[in-house]
Amino acid sequence: MGFITQTHYQYYNNSEEFTATANQTVFALTFDPQPSAESEFIVRVNGSEIDDNLYTYSSPNITFSSGRT
């Protein structure tokens, strides 16, 4: 029988949603624990997954190469 720790639970149940202001490029993640790399999360814009070359991640910020609206 598998054992799910709190960390695993948080991993599978954490999500955040943001509404951008005009040309906003930086979004700060607030959940804990923070991802340590871009490979640990998926970014979607208007419901569609986007390529990871369109943003960078430096905890806790996701920064898009161009503004979101």
C-alpha atoms as a PDB file:
ATOM      1  CA  MET A   1       0.000   0.000   0.000  1.00  0.00           C
ATOM      2  CA  GLY A   2       1.383   3.396  -0.983  1.00  0.00           C
ATOM      3  CA  PHE A   3       2.069   6.101   1.545  1.00  0.00           C
ATOM      4  CA  ILE A   4       1.302   9.692   0.610  1.00  0.00           C
ATOM      5  CA  THR A   5       3.152  12.263   2.681  1.00  0.00           C
ATOM      6  CA  GLN A   6       1.937  15.827   3.118  1.00  0.00           C
ATOM      7  CA  THR A   7       4.522  16.891   0.544  1.00  0.00           C
ATOM      8  CA  HIS A   8       3.088  14.494  -2.045  1.00  0.00           C
ATOM      9  CA  TYR A   9      -0.439  15.658  -1.206  1.00  0.00           C
ATOM     10  CA  GLN A  10       0.592  19.288  -1.686  1.00  0.00           C
ATOM     11  CA  TYR A  11       2.359  18.429  -4.941  1.00  0.00           C
ATOM     12  CA  TYR A  12      -0.760  16.923  -6.467  1.00  0.00           C
ATOM     13  CA  ASN A  13      -3.217  19.459  -5.075  1.00  0.00           C
ATOM     14  CA  ASN A  14      -1.465  22.834  -5.352  1.00  0.00           C
ATOM     15  CA  SER A  15      -2.471  25.219  -8.038  1.00  0.00           C
ATOM     16  CA  GLU A  16      -2.643  28.963  -8.396  1.00  0.00           C
ATOM     17  CA  GLU A  17      -4.559  31.169 -10.761  1.00  0.00           C
ATOM     18  CA  PHE A  18      -3.630  34.716 -11.691  1.00  0.00           C
ATOM     19  CA  THR A  19      -5.351  37.523 -13.551  1.00  0.00           C
ATOM     20  CA  ALA A  20      -2.843  39.723 -15.347  1.00  0.00           C
ATOM     21  CA  THR A  21      -2.883  43.474 -15.374  1.00  0.00           C
ATOM     22  CA  ALA A  22      -1.957  45.187 -18.656  1.00  0.00           C
ATOM     23  CA  ASN A  23       1.347  43.771 -19.925  1.00  0.00           C
ATOM     24  CA  GLN A  24       2.186  42.084 -16.602  1.00  0.00           C
ATOM     25  CA  THR A  25       5.200  39.781 -16.902  1.00  0.00           C
ATOM     26  CA  VAL A  26       5.930  38.614 -13.317  1.00  0.00           C
ATOM     27  CA  PHE A  27       3.723  36.352 -11.200  1.00  0.00           C
ATOM     28  CA  ALA A  28       4.719  35.233  -7.692  1.00  0.00           C
ATOM     29  CA  LEU A  29       3.835  31.740  -6.519  1.00  0.00           C
ATOM     30  CA  THR A  30       2.681  31.621  -2.903  1.00  0.00           C
ATOM     31  CA  PHE A  31       2.207  27.940  -2.105  1.00  0.00           C
ATOM     32  CA  ASP A  32       4.548  25.939   0.072  1.00  0.00           C
ATOM     33  CA  PRO A  33       6.729  24.129  -0.706  1.00  0.00           C
ATOM     34  CA  GLN A  34       7.883  26.129  -3.701  1.00  0.00           C
ATOM     35  CA  PRO A  35       8.934  24.229  -6.840  1.00  0.00           C
ATOM     36  CA  SER A  36      12.699  24.032  -7.159  1.00  0.00           C
ATOM     37  CA  ALA A  37      12.713  23.875 -10.978  1.00  0.00           C
ATOM     38  CA  GLU A  38      10.509  24.623 -13.991  1.00  0.00           C
ATOM     39  CA  SER A  39      10.173  20.890 -14.590  1.00  0.00           C
ATOM     40  CA  GLU A  40       8.099  20.593 -11.395  1.00  0.00           C
ATOM     41  CA  PHE A  41       5.056  22.505 -12.633  1.00  0.00           C
ATOM     42  CA  ILE A  42       2.915  23.242 -15.675  1.00  0.00           C
ATOM     43  CA  VAL A  43       1.955  26.730 -16.813  1.00  0.00           C
ATOM     44  CA  ARG A  44      -1.300  27.273 -18.643  1.00  0.00           C
ATOM     45  CA  VAL A  45      -2.533  30.496 -20.218  1.00  0.00           C
ATOM     46  CA  ASN A  46      -6.269  30.674 -20.851  1.00  0.00           C
ATOM     47  CA  GLY A  47      -6.446  26.913 -20.244  1.00  0.00           C
ATOM     48  CA  SER A  48      -3.736  25.937 -22.737  1.00  0.00           C
ATOM     49  CA  GLU A  49      -0.352  24.598 -21.673  1.00  0.00           C
ATOM     50  CA  ILE A  50       2.448  26.831 -22.919  1.00  0.00           C
ATOM     51  CA  ASP A  51       6.045  26.040 -23.871  1.00  0.00           C
ATOM     52  CA  ASP A  52       8.554  26.547 -21.103  1.00  0.00           C
ATOM     53  CA  ASN A  53      10.661  28.722 -23.419  1.00  0.00           C
ATOM     54  CA  LEU A  54       8.025  31.477 -23.017  1.00  0.00           C
ATOM     55  CA  TYR A  55       8.828  31.992 -19.324  1.00  0.00           C
ATOM     56  CA  THR A  56      11.546  31.608 -16.730  1.00  0.00           C
ATOM     57  CA  TYR A  57      11.275  30.544 -13.116  1.00  0.00           C
ATOM     58  CA  SER A  58      13.281  31.815 -10.190  1.00  0.00           C
ATOM     59  CA  SER A  59      11.527  30.985  -6.943  1.00  0.00           C
ATOM     60  CA  PRO A  60       8.983  32.302  -6.272  1.00  0.00           C
ATOM     61  CA  ASN A  61       8.530  34.185  -9.574  1.00  0.00           C
ATOM     62  CA  ILE A  62       7.393  33.072 -12.998  1.00  0.00           C
ATOM     63  CA  THR A  63       8.483  35.686 -15.533  1.00  0.00           C
ATOM     64  CA  PHE A  64       7.059  35.736 -19.038  1.00  0.00           C
ATOM     65  CA  SER A  65       9.138  36.972 -21.971  1.00  0.00           C
ATOM     66  CA  SER A  66       6.262  39.241 -23.024  1.00  0.00           C
ATOM     67  CA  GLY A  67       3.401  40.814 -21.117  1.00  0.00           C
ATOM     68  CA  ARG A  68       0.225  38.893 -20.380  1.00  0.00           C
ATOM     69  CA  THR A  69      -3.146  40.555 -20.765  1.00  0.00           C
END
